[in-house]
Amino acid sequence: MSHHTNPEQTLYRGRFAPSPTGPLHFGSLVSALASYLDAKKQHGSWIIRIEDVDGTRCKSSFTEQITKTLDSYQLFSDESIRVQSQHINIYEQQLSELKKQQIVFPCNCTRQSLAKYSGNHPTECPSTLNTPHSWRLKTSSKIYQCQDSIQGTLLFTEDLKNNCPVLKRKDGFFSYQLAVVVDDHFQNISHLVRGADLIETTAQQLHLYDLFGWIPPNICHIPLITNHSGDKISKQNHAKPIKNGHLPTLLRALHYLKIDLLEPSSITEALSLAIEAWDASKLKEIKNLPLEEQDLHFI
């Protein structure tokens, strides 16, 4: 079994990596704040990365909107913003490494043919390179474990056995799974603070780190903010864009991170106080954070 804990590093490097498939919404602001506060509390760097590897859904106009909104909340990247679509050659190189290891295979399967497996792809298929094909990672019986400072010990025993995830799609775009691991490694990201909806992708990412011989970052997952139906606040659920630079919105977002401040007069002051007050352990034992009545306008 592979235990993945990064030795404590003197250099903390965190990141927030939104996908520009829509404007920034309330749930995204909470995630951005959590990663920002964790980095700043530990005197680390906080970096913004635009995850626009999905060329069919991402738009540069949304990238602009997202960065303007983050700027308006004074959430500034400590380094120049990395844009995934400008680094396709690196993903191609890393995919070539996996081809050499013979742990990926071409796949001609369609969504229709995989429908009976609920969208999963359980085994290697007899496919050809002569027709449009994706590249998938072979299944593995490896078990992974990581220590999440909010969620506790995460043990992944079955996650890699019954599914072969896509690393490069038929249309030539790389998957989030491959790109996020490659980017975090090449940007020397030491800590990830992200939403609990991403726990289900963690085993595949730890497996890729293993295959490349890289040390993964320390990972923790904040509880999800959910609407009254229990669904996460997301673009798919038609979450509304947040107002730019709106102090009450910032204070509501901090409230969900268990930080309540007494009437700061500005965003600068609120962030400064919030960095002092940040304590990820306050979020332990919380499964999700339902939106309160007064916050319904955020969705």
C-alpha atoms as a PDB file:
ATOM      1  CA  MET A   1       0.000   0.000   0.000  1.00  0.00           C
ATOM      2  CA  SER A   2       1.298   3.440  -0.888  1.00  0.00           C
ATOM      3  CA  HIS A   3       1.191   6.017   1.910  1.00  0.00           C
ATOM      4  CA  HIS A   4       1.363   9.513   0.576  1.00  0.00           C
ATOM      5  CA  THR A   5       2.393  12.261   2.917  1.00  0.00           C
ATOM      6  CA  ASN A   6       4.704  15.002   1.816  1.00  0.00           C
ATOM      7  CA  PRO A   7       7.515  15.746   4.288  1.00  0.00           C
ATOM      8  CA  GLU A   8       6.954  19.166   5.817  1.00  0.00           C
ATOM      9  CA  GLN A   9       8.429  21.658   3.418  1.00  0.00           C
ATOM     10  CA  THR A  10       9.826  25.013   4.413  1.00  0.00           C
ATOM     11  CA  LEU A  11       8.339  26.441   1.240  1.00  0.00           C
ATOM     12  CA  TYR A  12       4.540  26.375   1.180  1.00  0.00           C
ATOM     13  CA  ARG A  13       3.108  26.728  -2.325  1.00  0.00           C
ATOM     14  CA  GLY A  14      -0.663  26.600  -2.663  1.00  0.00           C
ATOM     15  CA  ARG A  15      -2.945  27.303  -5.597  1.00  0.00           C
ATOM     16  CA  PHE A  16      -6.468  27.986  -6.765  1.00  0.00           C
ATOM     17  CA  ALA A  17      -7.217  26.546 -10.197  1.00  0.00           C
ATOM     18  CA  PRO A  18     -10.650  27.483 -11.598  1.00  0.00           C
ATOM     19  CA  SER A  19     -11.980  26.239 -14.946  1.00  0.00           C
ATOM     20  CA  PRO A  20     -13.238  29.118 -17.124  1.00  0.00           C
ATOM     21  CA  THR A  21     -16.559  27.488 -18.053  1.00  0.00           C
ATOM     22  CA  GLY A  22     -18.541  30.294 -16.401  1.00  0.00           C
ATOM     23  CA  PRO A  23     -18.108  33.258 -14.036  1.00  0.00           C
ATOM     24  CA  LEU A  24     -16.888  32.787 -10.453  1.00  0.00           C
ATOM     25  CA  HIS A  25     -19.741  31.743  -8.147  1.00  0.00           C
ATOM     26  CA  PHE A  26     -20.121  31.656  -4.368  1.00  0.00           C
ATOM     27  CA  GLY A  27     -18.848  28.077  -3.921  1.00  0.00           C
ATOM     28  CA  SER A  28     -15.726  28.939  -5.939  1.00  0.00           C
ATOM     29  CA  LEU A  29     -15.089  32.026  -3.816  1.00  0.00           C
ATOM     30  CA  VAL A  30     -15.191  29.890  -0.655  1.00  0.00           C
ATOM     31  CA  SER A  31     -12.670  27.439  -2.188  1.00  0.00           C
ATOM     32  CA  ALA A  32     -10.425  30.287  -3.341  1.00  0.00           C
ATOM     33  CA  LEU A  33     -10.508  31.829   0.128  1.00  0.00           C
ATOM     34  CA  ALA A  34      -9.737  28.548   1.899  1.00  0.00           C
ATOM     35  CA  SER A  35      -6.656  27.927  -0.261  1.00  0.00           C
ATOM     36  CA  TYR A  36      -5.560  31.585   0.043  1.00  0.00           C
ATOM     37  CA  LEU A  37      -5.955  31.733   3.842  1.00  0.00           C
ATOM     38  CA  ASP A  38      -4.141  28.424   4.350  1.00  0.00           C
ATOM     39  CA  ALA A  39      -1.203  29.639   2.250  1.00  0.00           C
ATOM     40  CA  LYS A  40      -0.983  33.047   3.902  1.00  0.00           C
ATOM     41  CA  LYS A  41      -1.382  31.678   7.438  1.00  0.00           C
ATOM     42  CA  GLN A  42       1.734  29.593   6.742  1.00  0.00           C
ATOM     43  CA  HIS A  43       3.575  32.518   5.089  1.00  0.00           C
ATOM     44  CA  GLY A  44       3.460  30.700   1.770  1.00  0.00           C
ATOM     45  CA  SER A  45       2.862  31.569  -1.874  1.00  0.00           C
ATOM     46  CA  TRP A  46      -0.617  31.436  -3.395  1.00  0.00           C
ATOM     47  CA  ILE A  47      -0.834  30.933  -7.137  1.00  0.00           C
ATOM     48  CA  ILE A  48      -3.730  31.151  -9.563  1.00  0.00           C
ATOM     49  CA  ARG A  49      -3.856  28.710 -12.461  1.00  0.00           C
ATOM     50  CA  ILE A  50      -6.501  28.722 -15.195  1.00  0.00           C
ATOM     51  CA  GLU A  51      -7.549  25.143 -16.002  1.00  0.00           C
ATOM     52  CA  ASP A  52      -8.773  25.649 -19.564  1.00  0.00           C
ATOM     53  CA  VAL A  53      -7.550  22.311 -20.933  1.00  0.00           C
ATOM     54  CA  ASP A  54     -11.122  21.479 -22.062  1.00  0.00           C
ATOM     55  CA  GLY A  55     -11.205  23.540 -25.254  1.00  0.00           C
ATOM     56  CA  THR A  56     -14.876  22.735 -25.918  1.00  0.00           C
ATOM     57  CA  ARG A  57     -16.254  24.311 -22.721  1.00  0.00           C
ATOM     58  CA  CYS A  58     -13.707  26.923 -21.626  1.00  0.00           C
ATOM     59  CA  LYS A  59     -13.824  30.519 -22.881  1.00  0.00           C
ATOM     60  CA  SER A  60     -11.243  33.288 -22.598  1.00  0.00           C
ATOM     61  CA  SER A  61     -14.040  35.737 -21.701  1.00  0.00           C
ATOM     62  CA  PHE A  62     -14.702  33.681 -18.544  1.00  0.00           C
ATOM     63  CA  THR A  63     -10.960  33.642 -17.743  1.00  0.00           C
ATOM     64  CA  GLU A  64     -11.055  37.431 -17.830  1.00  0.00           C
ATOM     65  CA  GLN A  65     -14.172  37.563 -15.645  1.00  0.00           C
ATOM     66  CA  ILE A  66     -12.730  35.143 -13.090  1.00  0.00           C
ATOM     67  CA  THR A  67      -9.406  36.978 -12.735  1.00  0.00           C
ATOM     68  CA  LYS A  68     -11.192  40.359 -12.449  1.00  0.00           C
ATOM     69  CA  THR A  69     -13.464  38.974  -9.728  1.00  0.00           C
ATOM     70  CA  LEU A  70     -10.537  37.499  -7.771  1.00  0.00           C
ATOM     71  CA  ASP A  71      -8.691  40.822  -8.118  1.00  0.00           C
ATOM     72  CA  SER A  72     -11.743  42.655  -6.775  1.00  0.00           C
ATOM     73  CA  TYR A  73     -11.529  40.540  -3.597  1.00  0.00           C
ATOM     74  CA  GLN A  74      -7.772  41.254  -3.443  1.00  0.00           C
ATOM     75  CA  LEU A  75      -6.972  37.599  -4.046  1.00  0.00           C
ATOM     76  CA  PHE A  76      -3.865  38.214  -6.144  1.00  0.00           C
ATOM     77  CA  SER A  77      -1.599  35.491  -7.482  1.00  0.00           C
ATOM     78  CA  ASP A  78       1.953  35.652  -6.128  1.00  0.00           C
ATOM     79  CA  GLU A  79       3.259  34.560  -9.543  1.00  0.00           C
ATOM     80  CA  SER A  80       2.160  35.046 -13.121  1.00  0.00           C
ATOM     81  CA  ILE A  81      -1.017  33.101 -13.826  1.00  0.00           C
ATOM     82  CA  ARG A  82      -0.397  29.779 -15.561  1.00  0.00           C
ATOM     83  CA  VAL A  83      -2.854  28.943 -18.346  1.00  0.00           C
ATOM     84  CA  GLN A  84      -3.118  25.230 -19.127  1.00  0.00           C
ATOM     85  CA  SER A  85      -3.856  25.610 -22.842  1.00  0.00           C
ATOM     86  CA  GLN A  86      -0.379  27.138 -23.264  1.00  0.00           C
ATOM     87  CA  HIS A  87       1.340  23.971 -21.991  1.00  0.00           C
ATOM     88  CA  ILE A  88      -0.110  21.196 -24.152  1.00  0.00           C
ATOM     89  CA  ASN A  89       3.376  19.975 -25.130  1.00  0.00           C
ATOM     90  CA  ILE A  90       4.182  19.096 -21.484  1.00  0.00           C
ATOM     91  CA  TYR A  91       1.045  16.945 -21.185  1.00  0.00           C
ATOM     92  CA  GLU A  92       1.963  15.216 -24.443  1.00  0.00           C
ATOM     93  CA  GLN A  93       5.468  14.467 -23.126  1.00  0.00           C
ATOM     94  CA  GLN A  94       4.094  12.961 -19.928  1.00  0.00           C
ATOM     95  CA  LEU A  95       1.562  10.868 -21.845  1.00  0.00           C
ATOM     96  CA  SER A  96       4.489   9.554 -23.929  1.00  0.00           C
ATOM     97  CA  GLU A  97       6.182   8.479 -20.679  1.00  0.00           C
ATOM     98  CA  LEU A  98       3.112   6.426 -19.772  1.00  0.00           C
ATOM     99  CA  LYS A  99       3.017   4.911 -23.273  1.00  0.00           C
ATOM    100  CA  LYS A 100       6.625   3.782 -22.792  1.00  0.00           C
ATOM    101  CA  GLN A 101       5.590   2.121 -19.513  1.00  0.00           C
ATOM    102  CA  GLN A 102       2.741   0.415 -21.456  1.00  0.00           C
ATOM    103  CA  ILE A 103       0.163   1.415 -18.855  1.00  0.00           C
ATOM    104  CA  VAL A 104      -2.094   3.328 -21.234  1.00  0.00           C
ATOM    105  CA  PHE A 105      -4.061   2.038 -24.195  1.00  0.00           C
ATOM    106  CA  PRO A 106      -5.985   3.526 -27.143  1.00  0.00           C
ATOM    107  CA  CYS A 107      -9.776   3.346 -26.914  1.00  0.00           C
ATOM    108  CA  ASN A 108     -12.420   3.654 -29.645  1.00  0.00           C
ATOM    109  CA  CYS A 109     -15.369   3.151 -27.268  1.00  0.00           C
ATOM    110  CA  THR A 110     -18.323   5.527 -27.378  1.00  0.00           C
ATOM    111  CA  ARG A 111     -20.484   6.856 -24.566  1.00  0.00           C
ATOM    112  CA  GLN A 112     -23.306   4.667 -25.849  1.00  0.00           C
ATOM    113  CA  SER A 113     -21.159   1.521 -25.660  1.00  0.00           C
ATOM    114  CA  LEU A 114     -20.150   2.380 -22.075  1.00  0.00           C
ATOM    115  CA  ALA A 115     -23.656   3.283 -20.903  1.00  0.00           C
ATOM    116  CA  LYS A 116     -24.136  -0.174 -19.360  1.00  0.00           C
ATOM    117  CA  TYR A 117     -21.140   0.519 -17.081  1.00  0.00           C
ATOM    118  CA  SER A 118     -22.553   3.885 -15.890  1.00  0.00           C
ATOM    119  CA  GLY A 119     -19.913   5.718 -17.919  1.00  0.00           C
ATOM    120  CA  ASN A 120     -17.007   3.731 -16.454  1.00  0.00           C
ATOM    121  CA  HIS A 121     -14.603   1.733 -18.608  1.00  0.00           C
ATOM    122  CA  PRO A 122     -13.873  -1.433 -16.603  1.00  0.00           C
ATOM    123  CA  THR A 123     -11.238  -3.232 -18.696  1.00  0.00           C
ATOM    124  CA  GLU A 124      -8.784  -2.729 -21.535  1.00  0.00           C
ATOM    125  CA  CYS A 125     -10.581  -2.895 -24.892  1.00  0.00           C
ATOM    126  CA  PRO A 126      -9.440  -4.192 -28.297  1.00  0.00           C
ATOM    127  CA  SER A 127      -9.108  -0.829 -30.072  1.00  0.00           C
ATOM    128  CA  THR A 128      -7.129   0.491 -32.998  1.00  0.00           C
ATOM    129  CA  LEU A 129      -5.082   3.623 -33.682  1.00  0.00           C
ATOM    130  CA  ASN A 130      -6.563   3.818 -37.197  1.00  0.00           C
ATOM    131  CA  THR A 131      -9.840   5.431 -36.121  1.00  0.00           C
ATOM    132  CA  PRO A 132     -10.498   8.274 -33.621  1.00  0.00           C
ATOM    133  CA  HIS A 133      -9.290   7.120 -30.218  1.00  0.00           C
ATOM    134  CA  SER A 134      -8.760   8.365 -26.719  1.00  0.00           C
ATOM    135  CA  TRP A 135      -5.933   7.250 -24.427  1.00  0.00           C
ATOM    136  CA  ARG A 136      -6.891   5.564 -21.170  1.00  0.00           C
ATOM    137  CA  LEU A 137      -4.947   4.487 -18.096  1.00  0.00           C
ATOM    138  CA  LYS A 138      -5.017   0.769 -17.280  1.00  0.00           C
ATOM    139  CA  THR A 139      -6.682  -0.405 -14.083  1.00  0.00           C
ATOM    140  CA  SER A 140      -4.587  -1.071 -10.996  1.00  0.00           C
ATOM    141  CA  SER A 141      -4.999  -3.059  -7.786  1.00  0.00           C
ATOM    142  CA  LYS A 142      -2.838  -0.583  -5.854  1.00  0.00           C
ATOM    143  CA  ILE A 143      -4.247   0.846  -2.650  1.00  0.00           C
ATOM    144  CA  TYR A 144      -3.519   4.453  -1.704  1.00  0.00           C
ATOM    145  CA  GLN A 145      -3.827   6.328   1.546  1.00  0.00           C
ATOM    146  CA  CYS A 146      -3.373   9.971   2.425  1.00  0.00           C
ATOM    147  CA  GLN A 147      -3.778  12.023   5.562  1.00  0.00           C
ATOM    148  CA  ASP A 148      -6.279  14.854   5.042  1.00  0.00           C
ATOM    149  CA  SER A 149      -6.074  17.459   7.809  1.00  0.00           C
ATOM    150  CA  ILE A 150      -9.839  18.126   7.503  1.00  0.00           C
ATOM    151  CA  GLN A 151     -11.323  14.778   6.404  1.00  0.00           C
ATOM    152  CA  GLY A 152      -8.933  12.530   8.345  1.00  0.00           C
ATOM    153  CA  THR A 153      -7.346   9.409   6.817  1.00  0.00           C
ATOM    154  CA  LEU A 154      -8.511   8.800   3.249  1.00  0.00           C
ATOM    155  CA  LEU A 155      -8.104   5.181   2.169  1.00  0.00           C
ATOM    156  CA  PHE A 156      -8.663   4.273  -1.488  1.00  0.00           C
ATOM    157  CA  THR A 157      -8.995   0.503  -1.924  1.00  0.00           C
ATOM    158  CA  GLU A 158     -11.261  -0.075  -4.934  1.00  0.00           C
ATOM    159  CA  ASP A 159     -10.984   3.201  -6.859  1.00  0.00           C
ATOM    160  CA  LEU A 160      -8.497   2.014  -9.482  1.00  0.00           C
ATOM    161  CA  LYS A 161      -9.792  -1.517 -10.049  1.00  0.00           C
ATOM    162  CA  ASN A 162     -12.906  -1.089 -12.171  1.00  0.00           C
ATOM    163  CA  ASN A 163     -12.294   1.982 -14.292  1.00  0.00           C
ATOM    164  CA  CYS A 164      -9.777   3.117 -16.902  1.00  0.00           C
ATOM    165  CA  PRO A 165      -9.871   6.935 -16.864  1.00  0.00           C
ATOM    166  CA  VAL A 166      -9.347   8.986 -20.020  1.00  0.00           C
ATOM    167  CA  LEU A 167      -6.051  10.897 -20.086  1.00  0.00           C
ATOM    168  CA  LYS A 168      -6.434  12.280 -23.616  1.00  0.00           C
ATOM    169  CA  ARG A 169      -9.767  12.544 -25.375  1.00  0.00           C
ATOM    170  CA  LYS A 170     -10.676  11.588 -28.926  1.00  0.00           C
ATOM    171  CA  ASP A 171     -10.904  15.277 -29.839  1.00  0.00           C
ATOM    172  CA  GLY A 172      -7.251  15.784 -28.807  1.00  0.00           C
ATOM    173  CA  PHE A 173      -7.902  17.615 -25.535  1.00  0.00           C
ATOM    174  CA  PHE A 174      -6.163  16.324 -22.421  1.00  0.00           C
ATOM    175  CA  SER A 175      -8.138  15.318 -19.350  1.00  0.00           C
ATOM    176  CA  TYR A 176      -8.251  17.257 -16.108  1.00  0.00           C
ATOM    177  CA  GLN A 177      -6.759  14.217 -14.324  1.00  0.00           C
ATOM    178  CA  LEU A 178      -3.501  14.253 -16.263  1.00  0.00           C
ATOM    179  CA  ALA A 179      -3.159  18.037 -16.569  1.00  0.00           C
ATOM    180  CA  VAL A 180      -3.753  18.783 -12.875  1.00  0.00           C
ATOM    181  CA  VAL A 181      -1.063  16.326 -11.726  1.00  0.00           C
ATOM    182  CA  VAL A 182       1.481  17.546 -14.290  1.00  0.00           C
ATOM    183  CA  ASP A 183       0.815  21.215 -13.479  1.00  0.00           C
ATOM    184  CA  ASP A 184       0.954  20.770  -9.711  1.00  0.00           C
ATOM    185  CA  HIS A 185       4.272  18.941 -10.073  1.00  0.00           C
ATOM    186  CA  PHE A 186       5.896  21.420 -12.452  1.00  0.00           C
ATOM    187  CA  GLN A 187       4.675  24.377 -10.375  1.00  0.00           C
ATOM    188  CA  ASN A 188       6.084  22.738  -7.216  1.00  0.00           C
ATOM    189  CA  ILE A 189       2.721  22.936  -5.460  1.00  0.00           C
ATOM    190  CA  SER A 190       3.210  21.634  -1.914  1.00  0.00           C
ATOM    191  CA  HIS A 191      -0.347  21.931  -0.532  1.00  0.00           C
ATOM    192  CA  LEU A 192      -3.809  21.546  -2.036  1.00  0.00           C
ATOM    193  CA  VAL A 193      -6.885  22.933  -0.301  1.00  0.00           C
ATOM    194  CA  ARG A 194      -9.928  22.096  -2.407  1.00  0.00           C
ATOM    195  CA  GLY A 195     -13.591  21.059  -2.311  1.00  0.00           C
ATOM    196  CA  ALA A 196     -14.682  17.651  -1.009  1.00  0.00           C
ATOM    197  CA  ASP A 197     -16.247  16.851  -4.409  1.00  0.00           C
ATOM    198  CA  LEU A 198     -12.683  16.190  -5.617  1.00  0.00           C
ATOM    199  CA  ILE A 199     -12.029  13.374  -3.132  1.00  0.00           C
ATOM    200  CA  GLU A 200     -13.322  10.920  -5.738  1.00  0.00           C
ATOM    201  CA  THR A 201     -10.534  11.900  -8.166  1.00  0.00           C
ATOM    202  CA  THR A 202      -7.752  11.702  -5.569  1.00  0.00           C
ATOM    203  CA  ALA A 203      -6.822   8.025  -6.005  1.00  0.00           C
ATOM    204  CA  GLN A 204      -6.296   8.433  -9.751  1.00  0.00           C
ATOM    205  CA  GLN A 205      -4.108  11.467  -9.119  1.00  0.00           C
ATOM    206  CA  LEU A 206      -2.036   9.698  -6.445  1.00  0.00           C
ATOM    207  CA  HIS A 207      -1.612   6.803  -8.893  1.00  0.00           C
ATOM    208  CA  LEU A 208      -0.303   9.155 -11.590  1.00  0.00           C
ATOM    209  CA  TYR A 209       2.149  10.712  -9.120  1.00  0.00           C
ATOM    210  CA  ASP A 210       3.322   7.194  -8.350  1.00  0.00           C
ATOM    211  CA  LEU A 211       3.734   6.250 -12.012  1.00  0.00           C
ATOM    212  CA  PHE A 212       5.767   9.391 -12.724  1.00  0.00           C
ATOM    213  CA  GLY A 213       7.886   8.893  -9.574  1.00  0.00           C
ATOM    214  CA  TRP A 214       6.800  12.238  -8.101  1.00  0.00           C
ATOM    215  CA  ILE A 215       5.875  13.175  -4.521  1.00  0.00           C
ATOM    216  CA  PRO A 216       2.269  14.418  -4.310  1.00  0.00           C
ATOM    217  CA  PRO A 217       1.305  17.555  -2.387  1.00  0.00           C
ATOM    218  CA  ASN A 218      -0.351  17.510   1.018  1.00  0.00           C
ATOM    219  CA  ILE A 219      -4.071  17.436   0.251  1.00  0.00           C
ATOM    220  CA  CYS A 220      -7.075  18.544   2.287  1.00  0.00           C
ATOM    221  CA  HIS A 221     -10.717  18.916   1.267  1.00  0.00           C
ATOM    222  CA  ILE A 222     -13.083  21.535   2.642  1.00  0.00           C
ATOM    223  CA  PRO A 223     -16.771  20.648   3.117  1.00  0.00           C
ATOM    224  CA  LEU A 224     -19.021  21.493   0.181  1.00  0.00           C
ATOM    225  CA  ILE A 225     -21.521  24.290   0.257  1.00  0.00           C
ATOM    226  CA  THR A 226     -24.842  22.806  -0.794  1.00  0.00           C
ATOM    227  CA  ASN A 227     -28.255  24.136  -1.739  1.00  0.00           C
ATOM    228  CA  HIS A 228     -31.430  23.027   0.025  1.00  0.00           C
ATOM    229  CA  SER A 229     -31.653  19.932  -2.170  1.00  0.00           C
ATOM    230  CA  GLY A 230     -28.221  18.861  -0.946  1.00  0.00           C
ATOM    231  CA  ASP A 231     -26.564  19.578  -4.322  1.00  0.00           C
ATOM    232  CA  LYS A 232     -23.239  21.396  -4.403  1.00  0.00           C
ATOM    233  CA  ILE A 233     -23.227  25.020  -5.529  1.00  0.00           C
ATOM    234  CA  SER A 234     -21.822  24.733  -9.042  1.00  0.00           C
ATOM    235  CA  LYS A 235     -22.092  26.031 -12.587  1.00  0.00           C
ATOM    236  CA  GLN A 236     -23.954  22.845 -13.529  1.00  0.00           C
ATOM    237  CA  ASN A 237     -26.568  23.778 -10.945  1.00  0.00           C
ATOM    238  CA  HIS A 238     -26.830  27.290 -12.398  1.00  0.00           C
ATOM    239  CA  ALA A 239     -25.007  29.086  -9.599  1.00  0.00           C
ATOM    240  CA  LYS A 240     -25.136  32.826 -10.125  1.00  0.00           C
ATOM    241  CA  PRO A 241     -22.012  34.978 -10.596  1.00  0.00           C
ATOM    242  CA  ILE A 242     -20.972  36.791  -7.441  1.00  0.00           C
ATOM    243  CA  LYS A 243     -20.700  40.572  -7.237  1.00  0.00           C
ATOM    244  CA  ASN A 244     -17.231  41.999  -7.663  1.00  0.00           C
ATOM    245  CA  GLY A 245     -15.504  43.347  -4.580  1.00  0.00           C
ATOM    246  CA  HIS A 246     -18.581  43.107  -2.352  1.00  0.00           C
ATOM    247  CA  LEU A 247     -17.539  43.079   1.322  1.00  0.00           C
ATOM    248  CA  PRO A 248     -20.778  41.437   2.609  1.00  0.00           C
ATOM    249  CA  THR A 249     -20.268  38.583   0.102  1.00  0.00           C
ATOM    250  CA  LEU A 250     -16.703  38.098   1.345  1.00  0.00           C
ATOM    251  CA  LEU A 251     -17.892  38.044   4.962  1.00  0.00           C
ATOM    252  CA  ARG A 252     -20.597  35.472   4.148  1.00  0.00           C
ATOM    253  CA  ALA A 253     -17.983  33.288   2.425  1.00  0.00           C
ATOM    254  CA  LEU A 254     -15.694  33.558   5.465  1.00  0.00           C
ATOM    255  CA  HIS A 255     -18.632  32.605   7.694  1.00  0.00           C
ATOM    256  CA  TYR A 256     -18.841  29.275   5.850  1.00  0.00           C
ATOM    257  CA  LEU A 257     -15.163  28.721   6.656  1.00  0.00           C
ATOM    258  CA  LYS A 258     -16.054  29.176  10.340  1.00  0.00           C
ATOM    259  CA  ILE A 259     -14.586  32.680  10.488  1.00  0.00           C
ATOM    260  CA  ASP A 260     -16.939  35.403  11.760  1.00  0.00           C
ATOM    261  CA  LEU A 261     -15.496  38.916  11.860  1.00  0.00           C
ATOM    262  CA  LEU A 262     -16.885  41.950  13.640  1.00  0.00           C
ATOM    263  CA  GLU A 263     -17.557  44.586  10.985  1.00  0.00           C
ATOM    264  CA  PRO A 264     -14.236  45.081   9.202  1.00  0.00           C
ATOM    265  CA  SER A 265     -14.323  48.310   7.201  1.00  0.00           C
ATOM    266  CA  SER A 266     -12.674  46.981   4.035  1.00  0.00           C
ATOM    267  CA  ILE A 267     -11.776  43.839   2.119  1.00  0.00           C
ATOM    268  CA  THR A 268      -8.106  44.422   3.028  1.00  0.00           C
ATOM    269  CA  GLU A 269      -8.914  44.466   6.738  1.00  0.00           C
ATOM    270  CA  ALA A 270     -11.242  41.462   6.443  1.00  0.00           C
ATOM    271  CA  LEU A 271      -8.578  39.354   4.715  1.00  0.00           C
ATOM    272  CA  SER A 272      -5.922  40.380   7.226  1.00  0.00           C
ATOM    273  CA  LEU A 273      -8.139  39.373  10.169  1.00  0.00           C
ATOM    274  CA  ALA A 274      -9.232  36.183   8.393  1.00  0.00           C
ATOM    275  CA  ILE A 275      -5.617  35.048   7.875  1.00  0.00           C
ATOM    276  CA  GLU A 276      -5.049  35.362  11.633  1.00  0.00           C
ATOM    277  CA  ALA A 277      -8.278  33.492  12.401  1.00  0.00           C
ATOM    278  CA  TRP A 278      -7.905  30.676   9.819  1.00  0.00           C
ATOM    279  CA  ASP A 279      -7.961  27.214  11.351  1.00  0.00           C
ATOM    280  CA  ALA A 280      -8.700  24.301   9.004  1.00  0.00           C
ATOM    281  CA  SER A 281      -9.367  21.984  11.960  1.00  0.00           C
ATOM    282  CA  LYS A 282     -12.620  23.884  12.651  1.00  0.00           C
ATOM    283  CA  LEU A 283     -13.989  22.284   9.488  1.00  0.00           C
ATOM    284  CA  LYS A 284     -13.457  18.707  10.714  1.00  0.00           C
ATOM    285  CA  GLU A 285     -16.534  16.528  11.219  1.00  0.00           C
ATOM    286  CA  ILE A 286     -18.604  18.719   8.875  1.00  0.00           C
ATOM    287  CA  LYS A 287     -19.952  16.802   5.909  1.00  0.00           C
ATOM    288  CA  ASN A 288     -21.326  19.795   4.037  1.00  0.00           C
ATOM    289  CA  LEU A 289     -22.392  23.363   4.643  1.00  0.00           C
ATOM    290  CA  PRO A 290     -26.004  24.019   3.624  1.00  0.00           C
ATOM    291  CA  LEU A 291     -26.706  27.520   2.336  1.00  0.00           C
ATOM    292  CA  GLU A 292     -28.604  29.610   4.851  1.00  0.00           C
ATOM    293  CA  GLU A 293     -31.853  31.378   3.959  1.00  0.00           C
ATOM    294  CA  GLN A 294     -30.204  34.791   3.582  1.00  0.00           C
ATOM    295  CA  ASP A 295     -27.686  33.359   1.133  1.00  0.00           C
ATOM    296  CA  LEU A 296     -30.120  31.893  -1.376  1.00  0.00           C
ATOM    297  CA  HIS A 297     -29.448  34.749  -3.799  1.00  0.00           C
ATOM    298  CA  PHE A 298     -25.928  33.344  -4.277  1.00  0.00           C
ATOM    299  CA  ILE A 299     -27.310  30.394  -6.226  1.00  0.00           C
END
